[in-house]
Amino acid sequence: MQERNGVREVSFDEATEMLKGNGVKFVWLGREPLEYIVKLLEIEPTKAEMIPPRSLVEGNSEEIESLKGAIFACYHGNTSGVVVKSLKSRFGIESYSLKGGVTAVVGEIF
């Protein structure tokens, strides 16, 4: 894990290890169906969910609190970085961004 510009980033290997723990979620912020990303990254489907980034602004406190410790992923790591930073500054929620996004793991696929 490393911190860059106030964002805690994890590599794919670190994320995979973290997802083995109880309660850690993988949150996909992209447009492709979650089923596609879960299969592509070989993530246990029960550990993953898709959340449109805009809905995080409108989320209620219970929903936001459930994202504590979550690993956020997007295409290149930019959107997930903004989400992680926003959750920390607005709600005090610590979470992680997948470093470099999905393309850092599998290359350009979209």
N, C-alpha and C. Protein backbone atom coordinates (compact mmCIF):
# COMPACT_ATOMS: atom_id res chain seq x y z
N MET A 1 0.85 -1.18 0.00
CA MET A 1 0.00 0.00 0.00
C MET A 1 0.89 1.23 0.00
N GLN A 2 0.45 2.23 -0.73
CA GLN A 2 1.15 3.51 -0.71
C GLN A 2 0.12 4.63 -0.73
N GLU A 3 0.54 5.79 -0.31
CA GLU A 3 -0.34 6.95 -0.34
C GLU A 3 0.22 7.95 -1.33
N ARG A 4 -0.67 8.41 -2.20
CA ARG A 4 -0.27 9.40 -3.21
C ARG A 4 -1.33 10.48 -3.25
N ASN A 5 -0.93 11.72 -3.00
CA ASN A 5 -1.86 12.85 -3.01
C ASN A 5 -3.04 12.64 -2.07
N GLY A 6 -2.79 12.05 -0.93
CA GLY A 6 -3.85 11.84 0.05
C GLY A 6 -4.77 10.66 -0.24
N VAL A 7 -4.38 9.83 -1.21
CA VAL A 7 -5.20 8.67 -1.59
C VAL A 7 -4.41 7.40 -1.28
N ARG A 8 -5.02 6.51 -0.52
CA ARG A 8 -4.39 5.22 -0.23
C ARG A 8 -4.62 4.30 -1.42
N GLU A 9 -3.52 3.87 -2.03
CA GLU A 9 -3.60 3.00 -3.21
C GLU A 9 -3.08 1.61 -2.87
N VAL A 10 -3.70 0.60 -3.48
CA VAL A 10 -3.23 -0.77 -3.32
C VAL A 10 -3.03 -1.38 -4.69
N SER A 11 -2.03 -2.24 -4.79
CA SER A 11 -1.80 -2.97 -6.02
C SER A 11 -2.86 -4.06 -6.15
N PHE A 12 -2.94 -4.68 -7.30
CA PHE A 12 -3.92 -5.75 -7.49
C PHE A 12 -3.63 -6.91 -6.55
N ASP A 13 -2.36 -7.25 -6.37
CA ASP A 13 -2.00 -8.34 -5.46
C ASP A 13 -2.42 -8.03 -4.02
N GLU A 14 -2.19 -6.79 -3.60
CA GLU A 14 -2.61 -6.38 -2.25
C GLU A 14 -4.13 -6.42 -2.14
N ALA A 15 -4.82 -5.96 -3.17
CA ALA A 15 -6.29 -5.98 -3.15
C ALA A 15 -6.81 -7.41 -3.06
N THR A 16 -6.21 -8.32 -3.80
CA THR A 16 -6.62 -9.72 -3.76
C THR A 16 -6.48 -10.29 -2.36
N GLU A 17 -5.38 -9.98 -1.70
CA GLU A 17 -5.18 -10.45 -0.32
C GLU A 17 -6.20 -9.83 0.62
N MET A 18 -6.45 -8.55 0.47
CA MET A 18 -7.40 -7.86 1.33
C MET A 18 -8.82 -8.42 1.16
N LEU A 19 -9.17 -8.79 -0.05
CA LEU A 19 -10.51 -9.30 -0.33
C LEU A 19 -10.75 -10.67 0.30
N LYS A 20 -9.69 -11.33 0.73
CA LYS A 20 -9.85 -12.61 1.43
C LYS A 20 -10.38 -12.40 2.84
N GLY A 21 -10.22 -11.17 3.35
CA GLY A 21 -10.71 -10.86 4.69
C GLY A 21 -12.22 -10.64 4.71
N ASN A 22 -12.77 -10.76 5.87
CA ASN A 22 -14.21 -10.54 6.03
C ASN A 22 -14.55 -9.06 5.95
N GLY A 23 -15.62 -8.76 5.26
CA GLY A 23 -16.13 -7.40 5.22
C GLY A 23 -15.49 -6.47 4.22
N VAL A 24 -14.43 -6.88 3.54
CA VAL A 24 -13.79 -6.01 2.56
C VAL A 24 -14.54 -6.15 1.23
N LYS A 25 -14.92 -5.01 0.67
CA LYS A 25 -15.67 -4.98 -0.59
C LYS A 25 -14.80 -4.46 -1.72
N PHE A 26 -15.11 -4.95 -2.91
CA PHE A 26 -14.54 -4.42 -4.15
C PHE A 26 -15.66 -3.64 -4.81
N VAL A 27 -15.43 -2.36 -5.07
CA VAL A 27 -16.47 -1.51 -5.65
C VAL A 27 -16.04 -1.04 -7.03
N TRP A 28 -16.79 -1.47 -8.04
CA TRP A 28 -16.54 -1.08 -9.43
C TRP A 28 -17.27 0.21 -9.73
N LEU A 29 -16.56 1.20 -10.27
CA LEU A 29 -17.12 2.51 -10.57
C LEU A 29 -17.31 2.76 -12.06
N GLY A 30 -17.04 1.75 -12.88
CA GLY A 30 -17.12 1.92 -14.33
C GLY A 30 -18.49 1.65 -14.90
N ARG A 31 -18.55 1.59 -16.24
CA ARG A 31 -19.81 1.39 -16.94
C ARG A 31 -20.05 -0.06 -17.35
N GLU A 32 -18.98 -0.83 -17.52
CA GLU A 32 -19.15 -2.22 -17.93
C GLU A 32 -19.87 -2.98 -16.83
N PRO A 33 -20.61 -4.02 -17.20
CA PRO A 33 -21.33 -4.81 -16.19
C PRO A 33 -20.37 -5.39 -15.15
N LEU A 34 -20.82 -5.39 -13.92
CA LEU A 34 -20.02 -5.92 -12.82
C LEU A 34 -19.60 -7.36 -13.07
N GLU A 35 -20.49 -8.16 -13.64
CA GLU A 35 -20.18 -9.57 -13.90
C GLU A 35 -18.94 -9.71 -14.78
N TYR A 36 -18.79 -8.81 -15.73
CA TYR A 36 -17.64 -8.83 -16.64
C TYR A 36 -16.35 -8.54 -15.86
N ILE A 37 -16.37 -7.53 -15.02
CA ILE A 37 -15.18 -7.13 -14.25
C ILE A 37 -14.81 -8.21 -13.24
N VAL A 38 -15.81 -8.77 -12.57
CA VAL A 38 -15.56 -9.83 -11.58
C VAL A 38 -14.89 -11.02 -12.25
N LYS A 39 -15.37 -11.40 -13.42
CA LYS A 39 -14.78 -12.52 -14.15
C LYS A 39 -13.37 -12.18 -14.63
N LEU A 40 -13.22 -10.99 -15.16
CA LEU A 40 -11.93 -10.55 -15.69
C LEU A 40 -10.85 -10.54 -14.62
N LEU A 41 -11.20 -10.06 -13.43
CA LEU A 41 -10.22 -9.94 -12.34
C LEU A 41 -10.23 -11.13 -11.39
N GLU A 42 -11.12 -12.09 -11.66
CA GLU A 42 -11.24 -13.29 -10.83
C GLU A 42 -11.50 -12.94 -9.37
N ILE A 43 -12.51 -12.11 -9.17
CA ILE A 43 -12.93 -11.69 -7.83
C ILE A 43 -14.20 -12.44 -7.46
N GLU A 44 -14.29 -12.84 -6.21
CA GLU A 44 -15.49 -13.53 -5.73
C GLU A 44 -16.69 -12.58 -5.87
N PRO A 45 -17.72 -12.98 -6.62
CA PRO A 45 -18.86 -12.10 -6.87
C PRO A 45 -19.54 -11.55 -5.62
N THR A 46 -19.54 -12.32 -4.55
CA THR A 46 -20.20 -11.86 -3.32
C THR A 46 -19.44 -10.72 -2.64
N LYS A 47 -18.20 -10.51 -3.04
CA LYS A 47 -17.37 -9.45 -2.45
C LYS A 47 -17.41 -8.16 -3.28
N ALA A 48 -18.13 -8.19 -4.41
CA ALA A 48 -18.10 -7.06 -5.33
C ALA A 48 -19.47 -6.42 -5.51
N GLU A 49 -19.43 -5.12 -5.78
CA GLU A 49 -20.64 -4.40 -6.13
C GLU A 49 -20.28 -3.25 -7.07
N MET A 50 -21.28 -2.80 -7.79
CA MET A 50 -21.10 -1.69 -8.72
C MET A 50 -21.86 -0.49 -8.16
N ILE A 51 -21.18 0.63 -8.07
CA ILE A 51 -21.81 1.86 -7.59
C ILE A 51 -21.44 2.99 -8.55
N PRO A 52 -22.44 3.64 -9.11
CA PRO A 52 -22.11 4.83 -9.93
C PRO A 52 -21.52 5.91 -9.02
N PRO A 53 -20.41 6.52 -9.43
CA PRO A 53 -19.75 7.51 -8.57
C PRO A 53 -20.68 8.62 -8.08
N ARG A 54 -21.59 9.07 -8.92
CA ARG A 54 -22.50 10.15 -8.52
C ARG A 54 -23.40 9.75 -7.35
N SER A 55 -23.74 8.48 -7.27
CA SER A 55 -24.64 8.05 -6.20
C SER A 55 -23.97 8.12 -4.82
N LEU A 56 -22.65 8.16 -4.80
CA LEU A 56 -21.94 8.27 -3.53
C LEU A 56 -22.18 9.63 -2.88
N VAL A 57 -22.45 10.62 -3.69
CA VAL A 57 -22.74 11.95 -3.17
C VAL A 57 -24.11 11.95 -2.49
N GLU A 58 -25.03 11.16 -3.03
CA GLU A 58 -26.41 11.15 -2.53
C GLU A 58 -26.66 10.04 -1.51
N GLY A 59 -25.67 9.18 -1.25
CA GLY A 59 -25.86 8.04 -0.37
C GLY A 59 -26.19 8.43 1.06
N ASN A 60 -26.96 7.58 1.72
CA ASN A 60 -27.26 7.85 3.13
C ASN A 60 -26.08 7.39 3.99
N SER A 61 -26.10 7.77 5.25
CA SER A 61 -24.95 7.50 6.12
C SER A 61 -24.68 6.01 6.30
N GLU A 62 -25.72 5.17 6.32
CA GLU A 62 -25.50 3.72 6.45
C GLU A 62 -24.78 3.17 5.23
N GLU A 63 -25.21 3.60 4.05
CA GLU A 63 -24.57 3.14 2.82
C GLU A 63 -23.12 3.58 2.78
N ILE A 64 -22.88 4.82 3.13
CA ILE A 64 -21.52 5.36 3.11
C ILE A 64 -20.65 4.64 4.14
N GLU A 65 -21.16 4.42 5.32
CA GLU A 65 -20.41 3.74 6.38
C GLU A 65 -20.02 2.33 5.96
N SER A 66 -20.87 1.67 5.17
CA SER A 66 -20.58 0.30 4.73
C SER A 66 -19.40 0.24 3.77
N LEU A 67 -18.93 1.38 3.29
CA LEU A 67 -17.82 1.43 2.35
C LEU A 67 -16.46 1.58 3.04
N LYS A 68 -16.48 1.61 4.37
CA LYS A 68 -15.23 1.71 5.12
C LYS A 68 -14.33 0.52 4.77
N GLY A 69 -13.11 0.81 4.35
CA GLY A 69 -12.15 -0.23 4.00
C GLY A 69 -12.34 -0.83 2.63
N ALA A 70 -13.30 -0.32 1.85
CA ALA A 70 -13.56 -0.86 0.51
C ALA A 70 -12.42 -0.52 -0.45
N ILE A 71 -12.30 -1.34 -1.47
CA ILE A 71 -11.34 -1.11 -2.54
C ILE A 71 -12.12 -0.65 -3.75
N PHE A 72 -11.87 0.58 -4.18
CA PHE A 72 -12.57 1.14 -5.33
C PHE A 72 -11.72 0.98 -6.58
N ALA A 73 -12.39 0.69 -7.69
CA ALA A 73 -11.67 0.52 -8.96
C ALA A 73 -12.44 1.17 -10.09
N CYS A 74 -11.70 1.73 -11.01
CA CYS A 74 -12.25 2.30 -12.23
C CYS A 74 -11.30 1.88 -13.36
N TYR A 75 -11.31 2.59 -14.45
CA TYR A 75 -10.49 2.20 -15.59
C TYR A 75 -9.00 2.46 -15.38
N HIS A 76 -8.65 3.67 -14.93
CA HIS A 76 -7.23 4.05 -14.81
C HIS A 76 -6.82 4.47 -13.41
N GLY A 77 -7.74 4.47 -12.45
CA GLY A 77 -7.42 4.84 -11.09
C GLY A 77 -7.72 6.28 -10.74
N ASN A 78 -8.14 7.07 -11.72
CA ASN A 78 -8.41 8.48 -11.45
C ASN A 78 -9.72 8.69 -10.70
N THR A 79 -10.81 8.13 -11.21
CA THR A 79 -12.11 8.28 -10.55
C THR A 79 -12.09 7.64 -9.18
N SER A 80 -11.51 6.46 -9.08
CA SER A 80 -11.47 5.80 -7.77
C SER A 80 -10.65 6.62 -6.78
N GLY A 81 -9.60 7.28 -7.25
CA GLY A 81 -8.81 8.14 -6.38
C GLY A 81 -9.62 9.32 -5.85
N VAL A 82 -10.41 9.92 -6.73
CA VAL A 82 -11.26 11.05 -6.33
C VAL A 82 -12.31 10.57 -5.32
N VAL A 83 -12.90 9.40 -5.56
CA VAL A 83 -13.90 8.86 -4.64
C VAL A 83 -13.29 8.60 -3.27
N VAL A 84 -12.14 7.96 -3.23
CA VAL A 84 -11.47 7.65 -1.97
C VAL A 84 -11.15 8.94 -1.20
N LYS A 85 -10.63 9.92 -1.91
CA LYS A 85 -10.29 11.20 -1.28
C LYS A 85 -11.55 11.89 -0.76
N SER A 86 -12.61 11.85 -1.54
CA SER A 86 -13.87 12.49 -1.15
C SER A 86 -14.50 11.81 0.07
N LEU A 87 -14.50 10.48 0.08
CA LEU A 87 -15.06 9.76 1.23
C LEU A 87 -14.30 10.10 2.51
N LYS A 88 -12.99 10.26 2.38
CA LYS A 88 -12.16 10.59 3.54
C LYS A 88 -12.45 12.01 4.02
N SER A 89 -12.47 12.96 3.10
CA SER A 89 -12.64 14.36 3.50
C SER A 89 -14.07 14.69 3.93
N ARG A 90 -15.04 14.11 3.27
CA ARG A 90 -16.44 14.45 3.58
C ARG A 90 -17.03 13.64 4.73
N PHE A 91 -16.63 12.35 4.82
CA PHE A 91 -17.28 11.47 5.79
C PHE A 91 -16.32 10.81 6.78
N GLY A 92 -15.00 11.02 6.59
CA GLY A 92 -14.03 10.38 7.46
C GLY A 92 -13.87 8.89 7.20
N ILE A 93 -14.29 8.43 6.03
CA ILE A 93 -14.25 7.00 5.68
C ILE A 93 -12.93 6.69 4.99
N GLU A 94 -12.16 5.79 5.57
CA GLU A 94 -10.90 5.33 4.97
C GLU A 94 -11.22 4.20 3.99
N SER A 95 -10.70 4.31 2.80
CA SER A 95 -10.89 3.28 1.79
C SER A 95 -9.66 3.29 0.88
N TYR A 96 -9.68 2.49 -0.17
CA TYR A 96 -8.51 2.31 -1.03
C TYR A 96 -8.89 2.45 -2.50
N SER A 97 -7.92 2.85 -3.29
CA SER A 97 -8.07 2.92 -4.74
C SER A 97 -7.15 1.87 -5.36
N LEU A 98 -7.68 1.13 -6.34
CA LEU A 98 -6.85 0.16 -7.05
C LEU A 98 -5.87 0.93 -7.92
N LYS A 99 -4.59 0.81 -7.61
CA LYS A 99 -3.55 1.58 -8.28
C LYS A 99 -3.55 1.32 -9.79
N GLY A 100 -3.73 2.38 -10.55
CA GLY A 100 -3.72 2.27 -12.01
C GLY A 100 -5.00 1.73 -12.60
N GLY A 101 -5.96 1.40 -11.76
CA GLY A 101 -7.25 0.89 -12.25
C GLY A 101 -7.14 -0.48 -12.91
N VAL A 102 -8.22 -0.85 -13.53
CA VAL A 102 -8.31 -2.17 -14.18
C VAL A 102 -7.29 -2.29 -15.30
N THR A 103 -7.01 -1.21 -16.01
CA THR A 103 -6.07 -1.30 -17.13
C THR A 103 -4.65 -1.61 -16.66
N ALA A 104 -4.31 -1.25 -15.43
CA ALA A 104 -2.99 -1.60 -14.89
C ALA A 104 -2.88 -3.10 -14.64
N VAL A 105 -4.02 -3.74 -14.45
CA VAL A 105 -4.04 -5.18 -14.17
C VAL A 105 -4.06 -5.99 -15.46
N VAL A 106 -4.93 -5.60 -16.39
CA VAL A 106 -5.12 -6.42 -17.59
C VAL A 106 -4.78 -5.72 -18.89
N GLY A 107 -4.41 -4.46 -18.84
CA GLY A 107 -4.13 -3.70 -20.05
C GLY A 107 -5.39 -3.07 -20.61
N GLU A 108 -5.23 -2.36 -21.71
CA GLU A 108 -6.38 -1.69 -22.34
C GLU A 108 -7.30 -2.73 -22.94
N ILE A 109 -8.51 -2.80 -22.43
CA ILE A 109 -9.46 -3.79 -22.95
C ILE A 109 -10.77 -3.18 -23.41
N PHE A 110 -10.97 -1.92 -23.13
CA PHE A 110 -12.25 -1.30 -23.47
C PHE A 110 -12.12 -0.43 -24.69
